Amino acid sequence: MKAEKCILENVTLMPELWSTGDPVRPELNTKFKTATGRTVYGLKTSTGEYVAFCCVARTIDVPKDIMELSTMTSGIGTILVPYTVWSLRRGAGKTIIKKLLSSVREHSLATRVVTLSPLTDMARRFHLKNGADEISTNIASANFEYHVYESAGDDWYQSVTENDWTCTSQGEIV
C-alpha cells in the first residue's frame, strides 16, 4: 500500500464506516471510541475507499489496560495512545500508523505515541517491524512506543526542552 496515495482522515463522527469492523477490540462500542479525548482515524485511498482504521486516545499517562485508558483519557493529554488498529487491505495497517506518526510530528499533536496493544505475537511483530520499542508487558496488554522526535543527539534544543533543564547564564545545568 503506497502511503502517498492515501490520506489520514478523522472519521470519528462517521461510525457507519467503522463501528462493526473492529476485530481487535470488538467489545468497545461507539460511545467509548467517540468519548472526549478519543478519535477514530480512517485511511482513505485516492478512489475514496477506506482501507484501515485506528482508534486513539489522548492520555495523561501510559495506560496498562482498557480501564486505565478510560480513566487517563483527557482532552488535554499529551500522550497519544493507539489502542486498536485494523486493516481491510494488506499493508494498510502499516500505512495508517506511518500517516498517524507523520501527522503527530507535523502538527505537534503529542509528546509521545504509545500503543495499548493486545498480548499477541501478531501485535508484537507488527509494532516492532514498524519501528516501535516494546516498553512494557502487562497482564493483558503490551505498550509499544513510537518515536515522535529524533534522538537527543540530533536535536539538542528538543532534548533540553523535554528534560526541562534549568541553566545558569554561563550555561551550567542546575
Protein backbone atom coordinates (compact mmCIF):
# COMPACT_ATOMS: atom_id res chain seq x y z
CA MET A 1 0.00 0.00 0.00
CA LYS A 2 1.57 3.27 -1.08
CA ALA A 3 1.27 5.92 1.63
CA GLU A 4 1.37 8.81 -0.85
CA LYS A 5 -1.84 7.57 -2.48
CA CYS A 6 -3.75 7.59 0.81
CA ILE A 7 -4.88 10.24 3.27
CA LEU A 8 -5.46 10.04 7.01
CA GLU A 9 -8.93 11.30 7.85
CA ASN A 10 -10.71 11.87 11.15
CA VAL A 11 -13.80 9.64 10.85
CA THR A 12 -14.90 9.80 14.49
CA LEU A 13 -18.27 11.27 13.51
CA MET A 14 -18.83 8.64 10.80
CA PRO A 15 -19.29 5.44 12.84
CA GLU A 16 -21.13 3.77 9.95
CA LEU A 17 -17.66 3.32 8.41
CA TRP A 18 -16.01 1.57 11.36
CA SER A 19 -18.39 0.65 14.19
CA THR A 20 -18.89 -3.00 13.22
CA GLY A 21 -15.47 -3.85 11.82
CA ASP A 22 -13.02 -3.80 14.74
CA PRO A 23 -11.59 -7.34 15.14
CA VAL A 24 -9.06 -6.22 17.79
CA ARG A 25 -11.41 -4.74 20.40
CA PRO A 26 -14.97 -5.58 19.33
CA GLU A 27 -16.16 -5.18 22.92
CA LEU A 28 -15.59 -1.40 22.77
CA ASN A 29 -18.67 0.39 21.50
CA THR A 30 -19.12 3.62 19.55
CA LYS A 31 -19.75 5.64 22.73
CA PHE A 32 -16.38 4.53 24.13
CA LYS A 33 -14.49 5.26 20.90
CA THR A 34 -16.03 8.73 20.47
CA ALA A 35 -15.76 9.98 24.06
CA THR A 36 -13.89 13.21 24.77
CA GLY A 37 -10.19 12.75 24.13
CA ARG A 38 -10.71 9.87 21.69
CA THR A 39 -10.53 9.88 17.90
CA VAL A 40 -11.04 7.35 15.12
CA TYR A 41 -8.92 7.76 12.01
CA GLY A 42 -9.54 6.18 8.63
CA LEU A 43 -7.06 5.61 5.84
CA LYS A 44 -8.71 6.67 2.61
CA THR A 45 -7.42 5.76 -0.85
CA SER A 46 -7.48 8.09 -3.83
CA THR A 47 -10.63 6.26 -5.00
CA GLY A 48 -12.43 7.10 -1.73
CA GLU A 49 -12.24 3.60 -0.22
CA TYR A 50 -11.37 3.26 3.48
CA VAL A 51 -8.78 0.51 3.89
CA ALA A 52 -7.73 0.83 7.56
CA PHE A 53 -8.87 2.32 10.85
CA CYS A 54 -7.08 3.35 14.04
CA CYS A 55 -8.68 4.34 17.33
CA VAL A 56 -6.58 6.60 19.54
CA ALA A 57 -6.94 8.21 22.94
CA ARG A 58 -5.19 11.27 24.27
CA THR A 59 -3.98 10.42 27.80
CA ILE A 60 -2.12 11.91 30.74
CA ASP A 61 -0.05 8.75 31.34
CA VAL A 62 0.65 5.38 29.70
CA PRO A 63 -2.27 3.00 30.37
CA LYS A 64 -1.70 -0.69 31.10
CA ASP A 65 -5.26 -1.79 30.29
CA ILE A 66 -8.60 -0.53 28.96
CA MET A 67 -9.77 0.53 32.44
CA GLU A 68 -6.70 2.75 32.86
CA LEU A 69 -7.22 4.06 29.33
CA SER A 70 -10.74 5.08 30.40
CA THR A 71 -9.56 6.95 33.47
CA MET A 72 -6.45 8.51 31.91
CA THR A 73 -8.15 9.82 28.75
CA SER A 74 -8.18 13.60 28.69
CA GLY A 75 -8.80 16.22 26.04
CA ILE A 76 -5.53 17.84 27.11
CA GLY A 77 -3.42 14.68 27.46
CA THR A 78 -0.02 14.77 25.79
CA ILE A 79 0.34 11.05 25.08
CA LEU A 80 -1.41 9.66 22.01
CA VAL A 81 -2.42 6.02 22.56
CA PRO A 82 -3.43 3.94 19.54
CA TYR A 83 -5.47 1.20 21.20
CA THR A 84 -6.83 -0.58 18.16
CA VAL A 85 -5.67 -0.75 14.54
CA TRP A 86 -7.20 -2.88 11.82
CA SER A 87 -6.90 -3.02 8.07
CA LEU A 88 -9.04 -4.22 5.22
CA ARG A 89 -6.15 -4.43 2.76
CA ARG A 90 -2.61 -5.81 3.07
CA GLY A 91 -0.16 -3.10 4.14
CA ALA A 92 -2.84 -0.61 5.14
CA GLY A 93 -2.20 -1.08 8.89
CA LYS A 94 1.43 -0.09 8.47
CA THR A 95 0.43 2.86 6.30
CA ILE A 96 -2.13 4.23 8.78
CA ILE A 97 0.45 4.09 11.60
CA LYS A 98 3.02 5.89 9.41
CA LYS A 99 0.45 8.54 8.44
CA LEU A 100 -0.58 8.99 12.09
CA LEU A 101 3.04 9.44 13.19
CA SER A 102 3.66 11.88 10.37
CA SER A 103 0.62 13.92 11.42
CA VAL A 104 1.72 13.90 15.08
CA ARG A 105 5.16 15.19 14.09
CA GLU A 106 3.91 17.74 11.57
CA HIS A 107 1.25 19.25 13.83
CA SER A 108 2.88 18.62 17.26
CA LEU A 109 -0.17 16.63 18.35
CA ALA A 110 1.56 14.77 21.20
CA THR A 111 4.86 14.38 23.02
CA ARG A 112 4.66 10.58 22.91
CA VAL A 113 2.88 7.88 20.90
CA VAL A 114 2.49 4.69 22.96
CA THR A 115 0.19 1.83 21.99
CA LEU A 116 -2.09 -0.21 24.21
CA SER A 117 -1.83 -3.48 22.32
CA PRO A 118 -3.23 -6.95 22.95
CA LEU A 119 -0.73 -9.56 24.11
CA THR A 120 -0.46 -11.36 20.79
CA ASP A 121 2.50 -12.33 18.64
CA MET A 122 0.83 -10.60 15.72
CA ALA A 123 0.61 -7.25 17.53
CA ARG A 124 4.18 -7.57 18.82
CA ARG A 125 5.61 -8.36 15.37
CA PHE A 126 3.56 -5.58 13.77
CA HIS A 127 4.78 -2.82 16.09
CA LEU A 128 8.41 -3.97 16.26
CA LYS A 129 8.55 -4.31 12.46
CA ASN A 130 7.16 -0.76 12.14
CA GLY A 131 9.84 0.80 14.33
CA ALA A 132 8.33 0.84 17.83
CA ASP A 133 10.13 -0.16 21.01
CA GLU A 134 8.41 -2.50 23.46
CA ILE A 135 8.41 -0.56 26.73
CA SER A 136 6.24 -2.79 28.94
CA THR A 137 4.32 -6.03 29.08
CA ASN A 138 1.29 -6.15 31.35
CA ILE A 139 -1.22 -8.82 32.36
CA ALA A 140 -3.46 -8.37 29.31
CA SER A 141 -1.58 -5.89 27.12
CA ALA A 142 1.74 -4.54 25.93
CA ASN A 143 2.91 -1.00 25.31
CA PHE A 144 5.00 -0.10 22.27
CA GLU A 145 6.42 3.37 21.85
CA TYR A 146 6.92 5.06 18.50
CA HIS A 147 9.43 7.89 18.47
CA VAL A 148 7.87 11.28 17.87
CA TYR A 149 11.13 13.23 17.82
CA GLU A 150 14.61 12.36 16.60
CA SER A 151 17.11 11.16 19.20
CA ALA A 152 18.51 13.76 21.59
CA GLY A 153 21.84 13.85 19.71
CA ASP A 154 20.06 15.02 16.56
CA ASP A 155 18.12 17.85 18.18
CA TRP A 156 19.80 19.34 21.23
CA TYR A 157 17.16 22.03 21.74
CA GLN A 158 14.33 19.47 21.76
CA SER A 159 16.17 17.31 24.32
CA VAL A 160 16.70 20.33 26.56
CA THR A 161 13.05 21.38 26.46
CA GLU A 162 11.82 17.81 27.01
CA ASN A 163 14.06 17.41 30.08
CA ASP A 164 13.13 20.91 31.35
CA TRP A 165 16.65 21.64 32.50
CA THR A 166 17.45 24.95 34.11
CA CYS A 167 20.70 26.62 33.05
CA THR A 168 22.63 29.49 34.58
CA SER A 169 23.73 32.40 32.42
CA GLN A 170 27.06 30.61 31.99
CA GLY A 171 25.26 27.54 30.58
CA GLU A 172 25.76 25.28 33.61
CA ILE A 173 22.97 22.84 34.34
CA VAL A 174 21.34 23.48 37.72
